[in-house]
Protein backbone atom coordinates (compact mmCIF):
# COMPACT_ATOMS: atom_id res chain seq x y z
CA UNK A 1 0.00 0.00 0.00
CA UNK A 2 1.46 3.38 -0.96
CA UNK A 3 1.10 6.60 1.02
CA UNK A 4 -1.85 7.79 -1.09
CA UNK A 5 -3.90 4.73 -0.10
CA UNK A 6 -3.21 4.94 3.64
CA UNK A 7 -5.78 6.31 6.02
CA UNK A 8 -4.74 9.17 8.31
CA UNK A 9 -4.65 6.76 11.27
CA UNK A 10 -2.36 4.36 9.38
CA UNK A 11 -0.04 7.26 8.57
CA UNK A 12 0.10 8.27 12.25
CA UNK A 13 0.79 4.70 13.35
CA UNK A 14 3.55 4.44 10.73
CA UNK A 15 5.27 7.52 12.12
CA UNK A 16 4.95 6.23 15.68
CA UNK A 17 6.38 2.84 14.69
CA UNK A 18 9.32 4.64 13.05
CA UNK A 19 9.96 6.35 16.39
CA UNK A 20 10.01 2.95 18.10
CA UNK A 21 12.55 1.53 15.66
CA UNK A 22 14.84 4.59 15.57
CA UNK A 23 17.38 4.03 18.33
CA UNK A 24 19.74 6.92 17.50
CA UNK A 25 18.53 8.89 20.52
CA UNK A 26 17.14 7.80 23.87
CA UNK A 27 14.22 10.19 23.50
CA UNK A 28 12.55 10.46 20.11
CA UNK A 29 10.40 13.52 19.39
CA UNK A 30 8.09 14.19 16.48
CA UNK A 31 5.62 16.95 15.69
CA UNK A 32 2.28 16.29 14.06
CA UNK A 33 0.94 19.18 12.01
CA UNK A 34 -2.25 20.13 10.25
CA UNK A 35 -2.10 22.76 7.47
CA UNK A 36 1.52 23.44 8.46
CA UNK A 37 0.55 24.30 12.04
CA UNK A 38 1.98 22.13 14.87
CA UNK A 39 -0.88 20.39 16.67
CA UNK A 40 0.90 17.77 18.81
CA UNK A 41 4.37 17.14 20.12
CA UNK A 42 5.01 13.44 20.73
CA UNK A 43 8.00 12.03 22.60
CA UNK A 44 9.04 8.44 23.23
CA UNK A 45 11.51 7.57 25.98
CA UNK A 46 13.16 4.32 24.89
CA UNK A 47 14.42 3.61 28.41
CA UNK A 48 10.97 3.61 30.01
CA UNK A 49 8.78 2.91 26.98
CA UNK A 50 6.68 5.91 27.96
CA UNK A 51 5.03 8.13 25.36
CA UNK A 52 4.22 11.78 26.05
CA UNK A 53 1.72 13.72 23.98
CA UNK A 54 1.39 17.45 24.32
CA UNK A 55 -1.40 19.14 22.45
CA UNK A 56 -0.26 22.58 21.26
CA UNK A 57 -3.43 24.12 22.69
CA UNK A 58 -2.94 22.80 26.23
CA UNK A 59 -0.11 23.09 28.71
CA UNK A 60 0.16 19.64 30.32
CA UNK A 61 1.62 16.69 28.47
CA UNK A 62 -0.13 13.37 28.96
CA UNK A 63 1.75 10.07 29.33
CA UNK A 64 0.81 6.75 27.77
CA UNK A 65 2.35 3.29 27.61
CA UNK A 66 0.41 2.09 24.56
CA UNK A 67 1.25 3.14 20.99
CA UNK A 68 -2.33 2.55 19.83
CA UNK A 69 -3.70 4.94 22.43
CA UNK A 70 -1.14 7.55 21.39
CA UNK A 71 -2.25 7.18 17.77
CA UNK A 72 -5.90 7.72 18.71
CA UNK A 73 -5.06 10.81 20.79
CA UNK A 74 -3.08 12.31 17.89
CA UNK A 75 -5.80 11.43 15.38
CA UNK A 76 -8.46 13.08 17.56
CA UNK A 77 -6.34 16.21 18.07
CA UNK A 78 -5.68 16.56 14.32
CA UNK A 79 -9.37 16.08 13.47
CA UNK A 80 -10.46 18.53 16.14
CA UNK A 81 -7.96 21.10 14.89
CA UNK A 82 -9.14 20.61 11.30
CA UNK A 83 -12.77 21.13 12.34
CA UNK A 84 -11.90 24.39 14.10
CA UNK A 85 -9.58 25.64 11.37
PDB file of N, CA and C in Angstrom:
ATOM      1  N   UNK A   1       0.852  -1.180   0.000  1.00  0.00           N
ATOM      2  CA  UNK A   1       0.000   0.000   0.000  1.00  0.00           C
ATOM      3  C   UNK A   1       0.894   1.239   0.000  1.00  0.00           C
ATOM      4  N   UNK A   2       0.660   2.158  -0.930  1.00  0.00           N
ATOM      5  CA  UNK A   2       1.457   3.379  -0.958  1.00  0.00           C
ATOM      6  C   UNK A   2       0.825   4.441  -0.064  1.00  0.00           C
ATOM      7  N   UNK A   3       1.543   5.551   0.090  1.00  0.00           N
ATOM      8  CA  UNK A   3       1.097   6.604   1.019  1.00  0.00           C
ATOM      9  C   UNK A   3      -0.254   7.198   0.631  1.00  0.00           C
ATOM     10  N   UNK A   4      -0.584   7.206  -0.657  1.00  0.00           N
ATOM     11  CA  UNK A   4      -1.850   7.787  -1.085  1.00  0.00           C
ATOM     12  C   UNK A   4      -3.039   6.932  -0.678  1.00  0.00           C
ATOM     13  N   UNK A   5      -2.819   5.636  -0.458  1.00  0.00           N
ATOM     14  CA  UNK A   5      -3.905   4.731  -0.103  1.00  0.00           C
ATOM     15  C   UNK A   5      -4.069   4.573   1.407  1.00  0.00           C
ATOM     16  N   UNK A   6      -3.142   5.086   2.191  1.00  0.00           N
ATOM     17  CA  UNK A   6      -3.209   4.941   3.641  1.00  0.00           C
ATOM     18  C   UNK A   6      -4.222   5.902   4.231  1.00  0.00           C
ATOM     19  N   UNK A   7      -4.878   5.435   5.276  1.00  0.00           N
ATOM     20  CA  UNK A   7      -5.782   6.306   6.016  1.00  0.00           C
ATOM     21  C   UNK A   7      -4.942   7.211   6.918  1.00  0.00           C
ATOM     22  N   UNK A   8      -5.511   8.305   7.406  1.00  0.00           N
ATOM     23  CA  UNK A   8      -4.744   9.166   8.314  1.00  0.00           C
ATOM     24  C   UNK A   8      -4.251   8.417   9.551  1.00  0.00           C
ATOM     25  N   UNK A   9      -5.063   7.507  10.085  1.00  0.00           N
ATOM     26  CA  UNK A   9      -4.652   6.761  11.272  1.00  0.00           C
ATOM     27  C   UNK A   9      -3.472   5.831  10.954  1.00  0.00           C
ATOM     28  N   UNK A  10      -3.482   5.214   9.785  1.00  0.00           N
ATOM     29  CA  UNK A  10      -2.361   4.362   9.378  1.00  0.00           C
ATOM     30  C   UNK A  10      -1.076   5.173   9.230  1.00  0.00           C
ATOM     31  N   UNK A  11      -1.201   6.381   8.715  1.00  0.00           N
ATOM     32  CA  UNK A  11      -0.041   7.257   8.573  1.00  0.00           C
ATOM     33  C   UNK A  11       0.526   7.621   9.939  1.00  0.00           C
ATOM     34  N   UNK A  12      -0.341   7.942  10.878  1.00  0.00           N
ATOM     35  CA  UNK A  12       0.096   8.272  12.247  1.00  0.00           C
ATOM     36  C   UNK A  12       0.799   7.076  12.874  1.00  0.00           C
ATOM     37  N   UNK A  13       0.200   5.905  12.778  1.00  0.00           N
ATOM     38  CA  UNK A  13       0.794   4.701  13.351  1.00  0.00           C
ATOM     39  C   UNK A  13       2.147   4.413  12.710  1.00  0.00           C
ATOM     40  N   UNK A  14       2.263   4.627  11.411  1.00  0.00           N
ATOM     41  CA  UNK A  14       3.549   4.436  10.728  1.00  0.00           C
ATOM     42  C   UNK A  14       4.631   5.341  11.282  1.00  0.00           C
ATOM     43  N   UNK A  15       4.292   6.585  11.549  1.00  0.00           N
ATOM     44  CA  UNK A  15       5.275   7.516  12.116  1.00  0.00           C
ATOM     45  C   UNK A  15       5.650   7.126  13.544  1.00  0.00           C
ATOM     46  N   UNK A  16       4.662   6.662  14.310  1.00  0.00           N
ATOM     47  CA  UNK A  16       4.950   6.231  15.680  1.00  0.00           C
ATOM     48  C   UNK A  16       5.820   4.978  15.688  1.00  0.00           C
ATOM     49  N   UNK A  17       5.558   4.059  14.791  1.00  0.00           N
ATOM     50  CA  UNK A  17       6.381   2.841  14.691  1.00  0.00           C
ATOM     51  C   UNK A  17       7.819   3.211  14.309  1.00  0.00           C
ATOM     52  N   UNK A  18       7.976   4.189  13.423  1.00  0.00           N
ATOM     53  CA  UNK A  18       9.318   4.644  13.045  1.00  0.00           C
ATOM     54  C   UNK A  18      10.063   5.178  14.265  1.00  0.00           C
ATOM     55  N   UNK A  19       9.347   5.856  15.152  1.00  0.00           N
ATOM     56  CA  UNK A  19       9.963   6.352  16.387  1.00  0.00           C
ATOM     57  C   UNK A  19      10.435   5.180  17.245  1.00  0.00           C
ATOM     58  N   UNK A  20       9.636   4.120  17.297  1.00  0.00           N
ATOM     59  CA  UNK A  20      10.010   2.954  18.102  1.00  0.00           C
ATOM     60  C   UNK A  20      11.271   2.273  17.569  1.00  0.00           C
ATOM     61  N   UNK A  21      11.422   2.229  16.260  1.00  0.00           N
ATOM     62  CA  UNK A  21      12.553   1.527  15.658  1.00  0.00           C
ATOM     63  C   UNK A  21      13.811   2.376  15.560  1.00  0.00           C
ATOM     64  N   UNK A  22      13.678   3.691  15.648  1.00  0.00           N
ATOM     65  CA  UNK A  22      14.836   4.589  15.566  1.00  0.00           C
ATOM     66  C   UNK A  22      15.501   4.658  16.935  1.00  0.00           C
ATOM     67  N   UNK A  23      16.669   4.083  17.041  1.00  0.00           N
ATOM     68  CA  UNK A  23      17.377   4.028  18.330  1.00  0.00           C
ATOM     69  C   UNK A  23      18.581   4.976  18.378  1.00  0.00           C
ATOM     70  N   UNK A  24      18.611   5.991  17.524  1.00  0.00           N
ATOM     71  CA  UNK A  24      19.738   6.921  17.498  1.00  0.00           C
ATOM     72  C   UNK A  24      19.771   7.834  18.720  1.00  0.00           C
ATOM     73  N   UNK A  25      18.619   8.053  19.323  1.00  0.00           N
ATOM     74  CA  UNK A  25      18.534   8.887  20.516  1.00  0.00           C
ATOM     75  C   UNK A  25      17.651   8.191  21.543  1.00  0.00           C
ATOM     76  N   UNK A  26      17.936   8.407  22.806  1.00  0.00           N
ATOM     77  CA  UNK A  26      17.141   7.797  23.865  1.00  0.00           C
ATOM     78  C   UNK A  26      15.707   8.311  23.839  1.00  0.00           C
ATOM     79  N   UNK A  27      15.557   9.598  23.584  1.00  0.00           N
ATOM     80  CA  UNK A  27      14.221  10.193  23.504  1.00  0.00           C
ATOM     81  C   UNK A  27      13.984  10.660  22.072  1.00  0.00           C
ATOM     82  N   UNK A  28      12.956  10.087  21.460  1.00  0.00           N
ATOM     83  CA  UNK A  28      12.551  10.457  20.106  1.00  0.00           C
ATOM     84  C   UNK A  28      11.410  11.468  20.206  1.00  0.00           C
ATOM     85  N   UNK A  29      11.466  12.507  19.390  1.00  0.00           N
ATOM     86  CA  UNK A  29      10.405  13.519  19.389  1.00  0.00           C
ATOM     87  C   UNK A  29       9.961  13.787  17.965  1.00  0.00           C
ATOM     88  N   UNK A  30       8.670  13.857  17.774  1.00  0.00           N
ATOM     89  CA  UNK A  30       8.090  14.194  16.475  1.00  0.00           C
ATOM     90  C   UNK A  30       6.955  15.194  16.698  1.00  0.00           C
ATOM     91  N   UNK A  31       6.727  16.004  15.673  1.00  0.00           N
ATOM     92  CA  UNK A  31       5.619  16.953  15.685  1.00  0.00           C
ATOM     93  C   UNK A  31       4.606  16.526  14.634  1.00  0.00           C
ATOM     94  N   UNK A  32       3.355  16.601  14.985  1.00  0.00           N
ATOM     95  CA  UNK A  32       2.278  16.291  14.058  1.00  0.00           C
ATOM     96  C   UNK A  32       1.577  17.600  13.742  1.00  0.00           C
ATOM     97  N   UNK A  33       1.459  17.885  12.453  1.00  0.00           N
ATOM     98  CA  UNK A  33       0.943  19.175  12.008  1.00  0.00           C
ATOM     99  C   UNK A  33      -0.303  19.005  11.153  1.00  0.00           C
ATOM    100  N   UNK A  34      -1.088  20.060  11.122  1.00  0.00           N
ATOM    101  CA  UNK A  34      -2.246  20.134  10.251  1.00  0.00           C
ATOM    102  C   UNK A  34      -2.196  21.488   9.569  1.00  0.00           C
ATOM    103  N   UNK A  35      -2.193  21.521   8.248  1.00  0.00           N
ATOM    104  CA  UNK A  35      -2.105  22.759   7.468  1.00  0.00           C
ATOM    105  C   UNK A  35      -0.825  23.532   7.791  1.00  0.00           C
ATOM    106  N   UNK A  36       0.242  22.810   8.142  1.00  0.00           N
ATOM    107  CA  UNK A  36       1.516  23.437   8.462  1.00  0.00           C
ATOM    108  C   UNK A  36       1.610  24.004   9.867  1.00  0.00           C
ATOM    109  N   UNK A  37       0.586  23.789  10.668  1.00  0.00           N
ATOM    110  CA  UNK A  37       0.554  24.295  12.043  1.00  0.00           C
ATOM    111  C   UNK A  37       0.775  23.123  13.004  1.00  0.00           C
ATOM    112  N   UNK A  38       1.772  23.219  13.899  1.00  0.00           N
ATOM    113  CA  UNK A  38       1.985  22.135  14.866  1.00  0.00           C
ATOM    114  C   UNK A  38       0.763  21.948  15.764  1.00  0.00           C
ATOM    115  N   UNK A  39       0.287  20.710  15.845  1.00  0.00           N
ATOM    116  CA  UNK A  39      -0.880  20.394  16.666  1.00  0.00           C
ATOM    117  C   UNK A  39      -0.470  19.580  17.894  1.00  0.00           C
ATOM    118  N   UNK A  40       0.455  18.636  17.706  1.00  0.00           N
ATOM    119  CA  UNK A  40       0.897  17.770  18.809  1.00  0.00           C
ATOM    120  C   UNK A  40       2.407  17.590  18.772  1.00  0.00           C
ATOM    121  N   UNK A  41       2.982  17.528  19.952  1.00  0.00           N
ATOM    122  CA  UNK A  41       4.374  17.137  20.117  1.00  0.00           C
ATOM    123  C   UNK A  41       4.357  15.781  20.816  1.00  0.00           C
ATOM    124  N   UNK A  42       5.007  14.800  20.197  1.00  0.00           N
ATOM    125  CA  UNK A  42       5.008  13.441  20.734  1.00  0.00           C
ATOM    126  C   UNK A  42       6.440  13.031  21.013  1.00  0.00           C
ATOM    127  N   UNK A  43       6.672  12.510  22.206  1.00  0.00           N
ATOM    128  CA  UNK A  43       8.002  12.032  22.598  1.00  0.00           C
ATOM    129  C   UNK A  43       7.902  10.595  23.084  1.00  0.00           C
ATOM    130  N   UNK A  44       8.926   9.820  22.767  1.00  0.00           N
ATOM    131  CA  UNK A  44       9.036   8.445  23.232  1.00  0.00           C
ATOM    132  C   UNK A  44      10.364   8.284  23.957  1.00  0.00           C
ATOM    133  N   UNK A  45      10.305   7.855  25.200  1.00  0.00           N
ATOM    134  CA  UNK A  45      11.507   7.567  25.976  1.00  0.00           C
ATOM    135  C   UNK A  45      11.780   6.070  25.841  1.00  0.00           C
ATOM    136  N   UNK A  46      12.851   5.729  25.124  1.00  0.00           N
ATOM    137  CA  UNK A  46      13.163   4.322  24.888  1.00  0.00           C
ATOM    138  C   UNK A  46      13.531   3.578  26.174  1.00  0.00           C
ATOM    139  N   UNK A  47      14.036   4.277  27.166  1.00  0.00           N
ATOM    140  CA  UNK A  47      14.419   3.605  28.410  1.00  0.00           C
ATOM    141  C   UNK A  47      13.207   3.145  29.216  1.00  0.00           C
ATOM    142  N   UNK A  48      12.161   3.950  29.232  1.00  0.00           N
ATOM    143  CA  UNK A  48      10.974   3.611  30.015  1.00  0.00           C
ATOM    144  C   UNK A  48       9.828   3.075  29.159  1.00  0.00           C
ATOM    145  N   UNK A  49       9.884   3.309  27.852  1.00  0.00           N
ATOM    146  CA  UNK A  49       8.783   2.909  26.976  1.00  0.00           C
ATOM    147  C   UNK A  49       7.581   3.827  27.079  1.00  0.00           C
ATOM    148  N   UNK A  50       7.772   4.970  27.723  1.00  0.00           N
ATOM    149  CA  UNK A  50       6.677   5.908  27.959  1.00  0.00           C
ATOM    150  C   UNK A  50       6.570   6.920  26.812  1.00  0.00           C
ATOM    151  N   UNK A  51       5.349   7.124  26.369  1.00  0.00           N
ATOM    152  CA  UNK A  51       5.034   8.134  25.361  1.00  0.00           C
ATOM    153  C   UNK A  51       4.483   9.353  26.059  1.00  0.00           C
ATOM    154  N   UNK A  52       4.824  10.539  25.565  1.00  0.00           N
ATOM    155  CA  UNK A  52       4.217  11.778  26.055  1.00  0.00           C
ATOM    156  C   UNK A  52       3.637  12.520  24.861  1.00  0.00           C
ATOM    157  N   UNK A  53       2.404  12.957  25.019  1.00  0.00           N
ATOM    158  CA  UNK A  53       1.722  13.716  23.975  1.00  0.00           C
ATOM    159  C   UNK A  53       1.332  15.058  24.559  1.00  0.00           C
ATOM    160  N   UNK A  54       1.778  16.112  23.892  1.00  0.00           N
ATOM    161  CA  UNK A  54       1.392  17.452  24.316  1.00  0.00           C
ATOM    162  C   UNK A  54       0.659  18.120  23.168  1.00  0.00           C
ATOM    163  N   UNK A  55      -0.581  18.427  23.411  1.00  0.00           N
ATOM    164  CA  UNK A  55      -1.404  19.143  22.451  1.00  0.00           C
ATOM    165  C   UNK A  55      -0.936  20.598  22.474  1.00  0.00           C
ATOM    166  N   UNK A  56      -0.758  21.207  21.330  1.00  0.00           N
ATOM    167  CA  UNK A  56      -0.258  22.581  21.256  1.00  0.00           C
ATOM    168  C   UNK A  56      -1.201  23.580  21.926  1.00  0.00           C
ATOM    169  N   UNK A  57      -2.455  23.210  22.103  1.00  0.00           N
ATOM    170  CA  UNK A  57      -3.430  24.125  22.685  1.00  0.00           C
ATOM    171  C   UNK A  57      -3.542  23.996  24.195  1.00  0.00           C
ATOM    172  N   UNK A  58      -2.872  22.989  24.783  1.00  0.00           N
ATOM    173  CA  UNK A  58      -2.939  22.797  26.232  1.00  0.00           C
ATOM    174  C   UNK A  58      -1.537  22.742  26.811  1.00  0.00           C
ATOM    175  N   UNK A  59      -1.417  23.058  28.067  1.00  0.00           N
ATOM    176  CA  UNK A  59      -0.114  23.092  28.715  1.00  0.00           C
ATOM    177  C   UNK A  59       0.388  21.718  29.135  1.00  0.00           C
ATOM    178  N   UNK A  60      -0.410  20.909  29.824  1.00  0.00           N
ATOM    179  CA  UNK A  60       0.164  19.642  30.320  1.00  0.00           C
ATOM    180  C   UNK A  60       0.370  18.627  29.194  1.00  0.00           C
ATOM    181  N   UNK A  61       1.402  17.826  29.361  1.00  0.00           N
ATOM    182  CA  UNK A  61       1.625  16.691  28.474  1.00  0.00           C
ATOM    183  C   UNK A  61       1.046  15.465  29.161  1.00  0.00           C
ATOM    184  N   UNK A  62       0.455  14.583  28.404  1.00  0.00           N
ATOM    185  CA  UNK A  62      -0.126  13.371  28.959  1.00  0.00           C
ATOM    186  C   UNK A  62       0.733  12.180  28.590  1.00  0.00           C
ATOM    187  N   UNK A  63       0.889  11.239  29.518  1.00  0.00           N
ATOM    188  CA  UNK A  63       1.746  10.071  29.329  1.00  0.00           C
ATOM    189  C   UNK A  63       0.911   8.833  29.030  1.00  0.00           C
ATOM    190  N   UNK A  64       1.471   7.987  28.159  1.00  0.00           N
ATOM    191  CA  UNK A  64       0.815   6.746  27.768  1.00  0.00           C
ATOM    192  C   UNK A  64       1.876   5.655  27.663  1.00  0.00           C
ATOM    193  N   UNK A  65       1.433   4.405  27.781  1.00  0.00           N
ATOM    194  CA  UNK A  65       2.354   3.293  27.605  1.00  0.00           C
ATOM    195  C   UNK A  65       1.931   2.395  26.441  1.00  0.00           C
ATOM    196  N   UNK A  66       0.963   2.872  25.648  1.00  0.00           N
ATOM    197  CA  UNK A  66       0.414   2.085  24.559  1.00  0.00           C
ATOM    198  C   UNK A  66       0.424   2.903  23.275  1.00  0.00           C
ATOM    199  N   UNK A  67       1.111   2.406  22.251  1.00  0.00           N
ATOM    200  CA  UNK A  67       1.249   3.144  20.994  1.00  0.00           C
ATOM    201  C   UNK A  67      -0.104   3.352  20.312  1.00  0.00           C
ATOM    202  N   UNK A  68      -1.015   2.409  20.448  1.00  0.00           N
ATOM    203  CA  UNK A  68      -2.333   2.549  19.826  1.00  0.00           C
ATOM    204  C   UNK A  68      -3.119   3.697  20.449  1.00  0.00           C
ATOM    205  N   UNK A  69      -3.021   3.837  21.753  1.00  0.00           N
ATOM    206  CA  UNK A  69      -3.702   4.935  22.435  1.00  0.00           C
ATOM    207  C   UNK A  69      -3.117   6.279  22.003  1.00  0.00           C
ATOM    208  N   UNK A  70      -1.806   6.332  21.859  1.00  0.00           N
ATOM    209  CA  UNK A  70      -1.138   7.554  21.393  1.00  0.00           C
ATOM    210  C   UNK A  70      -1.654   7.919  20.004  1.00  0.00           C
ATOM    211  N   UNK A  71      -1.766   6.932  19.127  1.00  0.00           N
ATOM    212  CA  UNK A  71      -2.253   7.175  17.769  1.00  0.00           C
ATOM    213  C   UNK A  71      -3.665   7.756  17.779  1.00  0.00           C
ATOM    214  N   UNK A  72      -4.519   7.228  18.626  1.00  0.00           N
ATOM    215  CA  UNK A  72      -5.897   7.715  18.712  1.00  0.00           C
ATOM    216  C   UNK A  72      -5.928   9.151  19.239  1.00  0.00           C
ATOM    217  N   UNK A  73      -5.116   9.451  20.234  1.00  0.00           N
ATOM    218  CA  UNK A  73      -5.060  10.810  20.790  1.00  0.00           C
ATOM    219  C   UNK A  73      -4.596  11.803  19.719  1.00  0.00           C
ATOM    220  N   UNK A  74      -3.575  11.439  18.964  1.00  0.00           N
ATOM    221  CA  UNK A  74      -3.075  12.312  17.886  1.00  0.00           C
ATOM    222  C   UNK A  74      -4.143  12.486  16.811  1.00  0.00           C
ATOM    223  N   UNK A  75      -4.751  11.393  16.405  1.00  0.00           N
ATOM    224  CA  UNK A  75      -5.804  11.431  15.385  1.00  0.00           C
ATOM    225  C   UNK A  75      -6.939  12.363  15.810  1.00  0.00           C
ATOM    226  N   UNK A  76      -7.385  12.218  17.051  1.00  0.00           N
ATOM    227  CA  UNK A  76      -8.463  13.082  17.558  1.00  0.00           C
ATOM    228  C   UNK A  76      -8.045  14.551  17.575  1.00  0.00           C
ATOM    229  N   UNK A  77      -6.813  14.823  18.004  1.00  0.00           N
ATOM    230  CA  UNK A  77      -6.335  16.214  18.065  1.00  0.00           C
ATOM    231  C   UNK A  77      -6.259  16.823  16.667  1.00  0.00           C
ATOM    232  N   UNK A  78      -5.774  16.052  15.694  1.00  0.00           N
ATOM    233  CA  UNK A  78      -5.681  16.558  14.323  1.00  0.00           C
ATOM    234  C   UNK A  78      -7.063  16.808  13.732  1.00  0.00           C
ATOM    235  N   UNK A  79      -8.002  15.894  13.971  1.00  0.00           N
ATOM    236  CA  UNK A  79      -9.370  16.078  13.468  1.00  0.00           C
ATOM    237  C   UNK A  79     -10.064  17.260  14.130  1.00  0.00           C
ATOM    238  N   UNK A  80      -9.870  17.416  15.419  1.00  0.00           N
ATOM    239  CA  UNK A  80     -10.460  18.534  16.144  1.00  0.00           C
ATOM    240  C   UNK A  80      -9.901  19.864  15.631  1.00  0.00           C
ATOM    241  N   UNK A  81      -8.591  19.888  15.407  1.00  0.00           N
ATOM    242  CA  UNK A  81      -7.965  21.102  14.889  1.00  0.00           C
ATOM    243  C   UNK A  81      -8.507  21.436  13.499  1.00  0.00           C
ATOM    244  N   UNK A  82      -8.631  20.411  12.657  1.00  0.00           N
ATOM    245  CA  UNK A  82      -9.138  20.610  11.300  1.00  0.00           C
ATOM    246  C   UNK A  82     -10.569  21.150  11.327  1.00  0.00           C
ATOM    247  N   UNK A  83     -11.391  20.663  12.235  1.00  0.00           N
ATOM    248  CA  UNK A  83     -12.775  21.125  12.338  1.00  0.00           C
ATOM    249  C   UNK A  83     -12.842  22.581  12.766  1.00  0.00           C
ATOM    250  N   UNK A  84     -11.919  23.009  13.620  1.00  0.00           N
ATOM    251  CA  UNK A  84     -11.896  24.390  14.102  1.00  0.00           C
ATOM    252  C   UNK A  84     -11.298  25.322  13.059  1.00  0.00           C
ATOM    253  N   UNK A  85     -10.306  24.831  12.346  1.00  0.00           N
ATOM    254  CA  UNK A  85      -9.582  25.639  11.372  1.00  0.00           C
ATOM    255  C   UNK A  85     -10.459  25.865  10.190  1.00  0.00           C
TER     256      UNK A  85
END
